[in-house]
Amino acid sequence: MQGVVKSFDPTSGDGIVVADTGDLPEFDLASDALVGSIFRMLRQGQRVVFELNADGRATKLRLGSEADMETPH
């Protein structure tokens, strides 16, 4: 799933990602969202690829290639 970081608090690790689907759903970040990721910080508006965990929270955040992001060439 692709989306954009809406907010991120580096102290608590809390944040929200907005998915790129039709109704732009928002997902809270899971506590392990950045574990194993190249990210240590997230900035508002940053594009990410992520998965949803069993609780419906965004996890496994990573950068996507242009192909992953379906960016036109």
N, C-alpha and C. Protein backbone atom coordinates (compact mmCIF):
# COMPACT_ATOMS: atom_id res chain seq x y z
N MET A 1 0.86 -1.16 0.00
CA MET A 1 0.00 0.00 0.00
C MET A 1 0.91 1.23 0.00
N GLN A 2 0.51 2.27 -0.71
CA GLN A 2 1.29 3.50 -0.75
C GLN A 2 0.53 4.61 -0.05
N GLY A 3 1.29 5.59 0.42
CA GLY A 3 0.65 6.72 1.08
C GLY A 3 1.62 7.82 1.40
N VAL A 4 1.14 8.76 2.22
CA VAL A 4 1.89 9.94 2.59
C VAL A 4 1.81 10.10 4.11
N VAL A 5 2.94 10.49 4.71
CA VAL A 5 2.96 10.74 6.15
C VAL A 5 2.19 12.02 6.44
N LYS A 6 1.17 11.92 7.28
CA LYS A 6 0.40 13.09 7.68
C LYS A 6 1.03 13.75 8.89
N SER A 7 1.48 12.92 9.83
CA SER A 7 2.11 13.46 11.04
C SER A 7 3.03 12.40 11.63
N PHE A 8 4.03 12.86 12.40
CA PHE A 8 4.93 11.95 13.10
C PHE A 8 5.57 12.68 14.26
N ASP A 9 5.52 12.04 15.44
CA ASP A 9 6.16 12.58 16.64
C ASP A 9 7.37 11.70 16.95
N PRO A 10 8.59 12.23 16.71
CA PRO A 10 9.79 11.41 16.91
C PRO A 10 10.01 10.98 18.36
N THR A 11 9.48 11.72 19.31
CA THR A 11 9.65 11.37 20.72
C THR A 11 8.84 10.14 21.09
N SER A 12 7.58 10.12 20.69
CA SER A 12 6.71 9.01 21.05
C SER A 12 6.64 7.93 19.97
N GLY A 13 6.98 8.29 18.74
CA GLY A 13 6.86 7.35 17.62
C GLY A 13 5.46 7.28 17.06
N ASP A 14 4.55 8.12 17.59
CA ASP A 14 3.18 8.14 17.09
C ASP A 14 3.13 8.88 15.76
N GLY A 15 2.25 8.42 14.89
CA GLY A 15 2.09 9.10 13.63
C GLY A 15 0.90 8.57 12.86
N ILE A 16 0.63 9.23 11.74
CA ILE A 16 -0.50 8.87 10.88
C ILE A 16 -0.02 8.87 9.44
N VAL A 17 -0.46 7.84 8.70
CA VAL A 17 -0.18 7.75 7.27
C VAL A 17 -1.53 7.78 6.55
N VAL A 18 -1.60 8.54 5.46
CA VAL A 18 -2.81 8.61 4.63
C VAL A 18 -2.57 7.78 3.39
N ALA A 19 -3.42 6.78 3.16
CA ALA A 19 -3.27 5.90 2.00
C ALA A 19 -3.74 6.59 0.73
N ASP A 20 -3.19 6.13 -0.39
CA ASP A 20 -3.52 6.71 -1.70
C ASP A 20 -4.75 6.09 -2.35
N THR A 21 -5.59 5.43 -1.59
CA THR A 21 -6.78 4.83 -2.18
C THR A 21 -7.89 5.87 -2.27
N GLY A 22 -8.97 5.53 -2.94
CA GLY A 22 -10.05 6.45 -3.27
C GLY A 22 -10.55 7.36 -2.16
N ASP A 23 -10.80 6.81 -0.98
CA ASP A 23 -11.36 7.64 0.09
C ASP A 23 -10.29 8.15 1.06
N LEU A 24 -9.01 7.97 0.73
CA LEU A 24 -7.87 8.48 1.51
C LEU A 24 -7.95 8.11 3.00
N PRO A 25 -8.04 6.80 3.30
CA PRO A 25 -8.12 6.42 4.72
C PRO A 25 -6.82 6.74 5.46
N GLU A 26 -6.95 7.00 6.74
CA GLU A 26 -5.80 7.30 7.59
C GLU A 26 -5.54 6.11 8.50
N PHE A 27 -4.24 5.80 8.68
CA PHE A 27 -3.84 4.69 9.53
C PHE A 27 -2.82 5.16 10.55
N ASP A 28 -3.04 4.81 11.81
CA ASP A 28 -2.05 5.08 12.85
C ASP A 28 -0.83 4.20 12.60
N LEU A 29 0.34 4.69 12.99
CA LEU A 29 1.54 3.88 12.89
C LEU A 29 1.57 2.84 14.00
N ALA A 30 1.97 1.64 13.66
CA ALA A 30 2.19 0.60 14.66
C ALA A 30 3.46 0.93 15.43
N SER A 31 3.58 0.40 16.62
CA SER A 31 4.76 0.69 17.45
C SER A 31 6.05 0.19 16.79
N ASP A 32 5.94 -0.82 15.92
CA ASP A 32 7.12 -1.35 15.24
C ASP A 32 7.25 -0.87 13.80
N ALA A 33 6.57 0.19 13.45
CA ALA A 33 6.50 0.66 12.06
C ALA A 33 7.86 0.92 11.43
N LEU A 34 8.83 1.37 12.22
CA LEU A 34 10.15 1.71 11.68
C LEU A 34 11.21 0.66 11.96
N VAL A 35 10.86 -0.42 12.64
CA VAL A 35 11.83 -1.48 12.96
C VAL A 35 12.29 -2.14 11.66
N GLY A 36 13.59 -2.21 11.47
CA GLY A 36 14.15 -2.81 10.26
C GLY A 36 14.08 -1.91 9.04
N SER A 37 13.64 -0.68 9.24
CA SER A 37 13.49 0.28 8.15
C SER A 37 14.71 1.18 8.08
N ILE A 38 14.90 1.82 6.92
CA ILE A 38 15.96 2.82 6.81
C ILE A 38 15.55 4.11 7.51
N PHE A 39 14.27 4.26 7.81
CA PHE A 39 13.77 5.47 8.44
C PHE A 39 14.10 5.52 9.93
N ARG A 40 14.53 6.67 10.39
CA ARG A 40 14.66 6.94 11.82
C ARG A 40 13.71 8.07 12.18
N MET A 41 13.41 8.89 11.19
CA MET A 41 12.50 10.02 11.31
C MET A 41 11.59 10.01 10.09
N LEU A 42 10.42 10.55 10.25
CA LEU A 42 9.50 10.73 9.13
C LEU A 42 9.12 12.21 9.09
N ARG A 43 8.91 12.73 7.90
CA ARG A 43 8.48 14.12 7.79
C ARG A 43 7.12 14.17 7.12
N GLN A 44 6.37 15.18 7.46
CA GLN A 44 5.05 15.37 6.89
C GLN A 44 5.18 15.47 5.37
N GLY A 45 4.32 14.76 4.66
CA GLY A 45 4.33 14.78 3.20
C GLY A 45 5.24 13.76 2.57
N GLN A 46 6.01 13.02 3.37
CA GLN A 46 6.92 12.02 2.83
C GLN A 46 6.14 10.84 2.28
N ARG A 47 6.50 10.38 1.07
CA ARG A 47 5.82 9.24 0.46
C ARG A 47 6.44 7.96 0.96
N VAL A 48 5.60 6.99 1.30
CA VAL A 48 6.06 5.71 1.82
C VAL A 48 5.22 4.57 1.25
N VAL A 49 5.79 3.38 1.34
CA VAL A 49 5.08 2.14 1.07
C VAL A 49 4.96 1.46 2.43
N PHE A 50 3.82 0.87 2.71
CA PHE A 50 3.62 0.25 4.03
C PHE A 50 2.66 -0.92 3.93
N GLU A 51 2.61 -1.67 5.00
CA GLU A 51 1.65 -2.77 5.14
C GLU A 51 0.78 -2.48 6.34
N LEU A 52 -0.33 -3.18 6.44
CA LEU A 52 -1.18 -3.07 7.63
C LEU A 52 -1.02 -4.32 8.46
N ASN A 53 -0.91 -4.13 9.78
CA ASN A 53 -0.82 -5.29 10.67
C ASN A 53 -2.23 -5.78 11.01
N ALA A 54 -2.32 -6.78 11.86
CA ALA A 54 -3.61 -7.38 12.23
C ALA A 54 -4.54 -6.39 12.91
N ASP A 55 -3.97 -5.34 13.53
CA ASP A 55 -4.78 -4.32 14.20
C ASP A 55 -5.17 -3.17 13.28
N GLY A 56 -4.79 -3.26 11.99
CA GLY A 56 -5.12 -2.19 11.05
C GLY A 56 -4.23 -0.97 11.17
N ARG A 57 -3.02 -1.17 11.71
CA ARG A 57 -2.06 -0.06 11.85
C ARG A 57 -0.98 -0.20 10.79
N ALA A 58 -0.45 0.93 10.35
CA ALA A 58 0.61 0.94 9.34
C ALA A 58 1.91 0.43 9.94
N THR A 59 2.56 -0.49 9.22
CA THR A 59 3.82 -1.05 9.68
C THR A 59 4.72 -1.33 8.50
N LYS A 60 5.97 -1.68 8.77
CA LYS A 60 6.97 -2.02 7.74
C LYS A 60 7.11 -0.90 6.71
N LEU A 61 7.24 0.33 7.19
CA LEU A 61 7.39 1.47 6.29
C LEU A 61 8.70 1.38 5.53
N ARG A 62 8.65 1.73 4.25
CA ARG A 62 9.84 1.73 3.41
C ARG A 62 9.65 2.69 2.26
N LEU A 63 10.75 3.03 1.65
CA LEU A 63 10.70 3.84 0.44
C LEU A 63 10.27 2.93 -0.69
N GLY A 64 9.55 3.49 -1.65
CA GLY A 64 9.16 2.70 -2.81
C GLY A 64 9.88 3.18 -4.04
N SER A 65 10.08 2.28 -4.98
CA SER A 65 10.64 2.69 -6.26
C SER A 65 9.54 3.39 -7.04
N GLU A 66 9.90 4.02 -8.14
CA GLU A 66 8.88 4.67 -8.96
C GLU A 66 7.85 3.65 -9.42
N ALA A 67 8.30 2.42 -9.71
CA ALA A 67 7.36 1.38 -10.13
C ALA A 67 6.39 1.03 -9.01
N ASP A 68 6.91 0.95 -7.76
CA ASP A 68 6.04 0.65 -6.62
C ASP A 68 5.01 1.75 -6.41
N MET A 69 5.43 2.99 -6.62
CA MET A 69 4.56 4.13 -6.41
C MET A 69 3.67 4.42 -7.60
N GLU A 70 3.84 3.65 -8.67
CA GLU A 70 3.08 3.84 -9.90
C GLU A 70 3.21 5.28 -10.40
N THR A 71 4.43 5.78 -10.33
CA THR A 71 4.72 7.13 -10.80
C THR A 71 4.86 7.12 -12.31
N PRO A 72 4.16 8.00 -13.00
CA PRO A 72 4.32 8.04 -14.47
C PRO A 72 5.72 8.45 -14.85
N HIS A 73 6.20 7.94 -15.97
CA HIS A 73 7.55 8.28 -16.44
C HIS A 73 7.52 9.50 -17.34
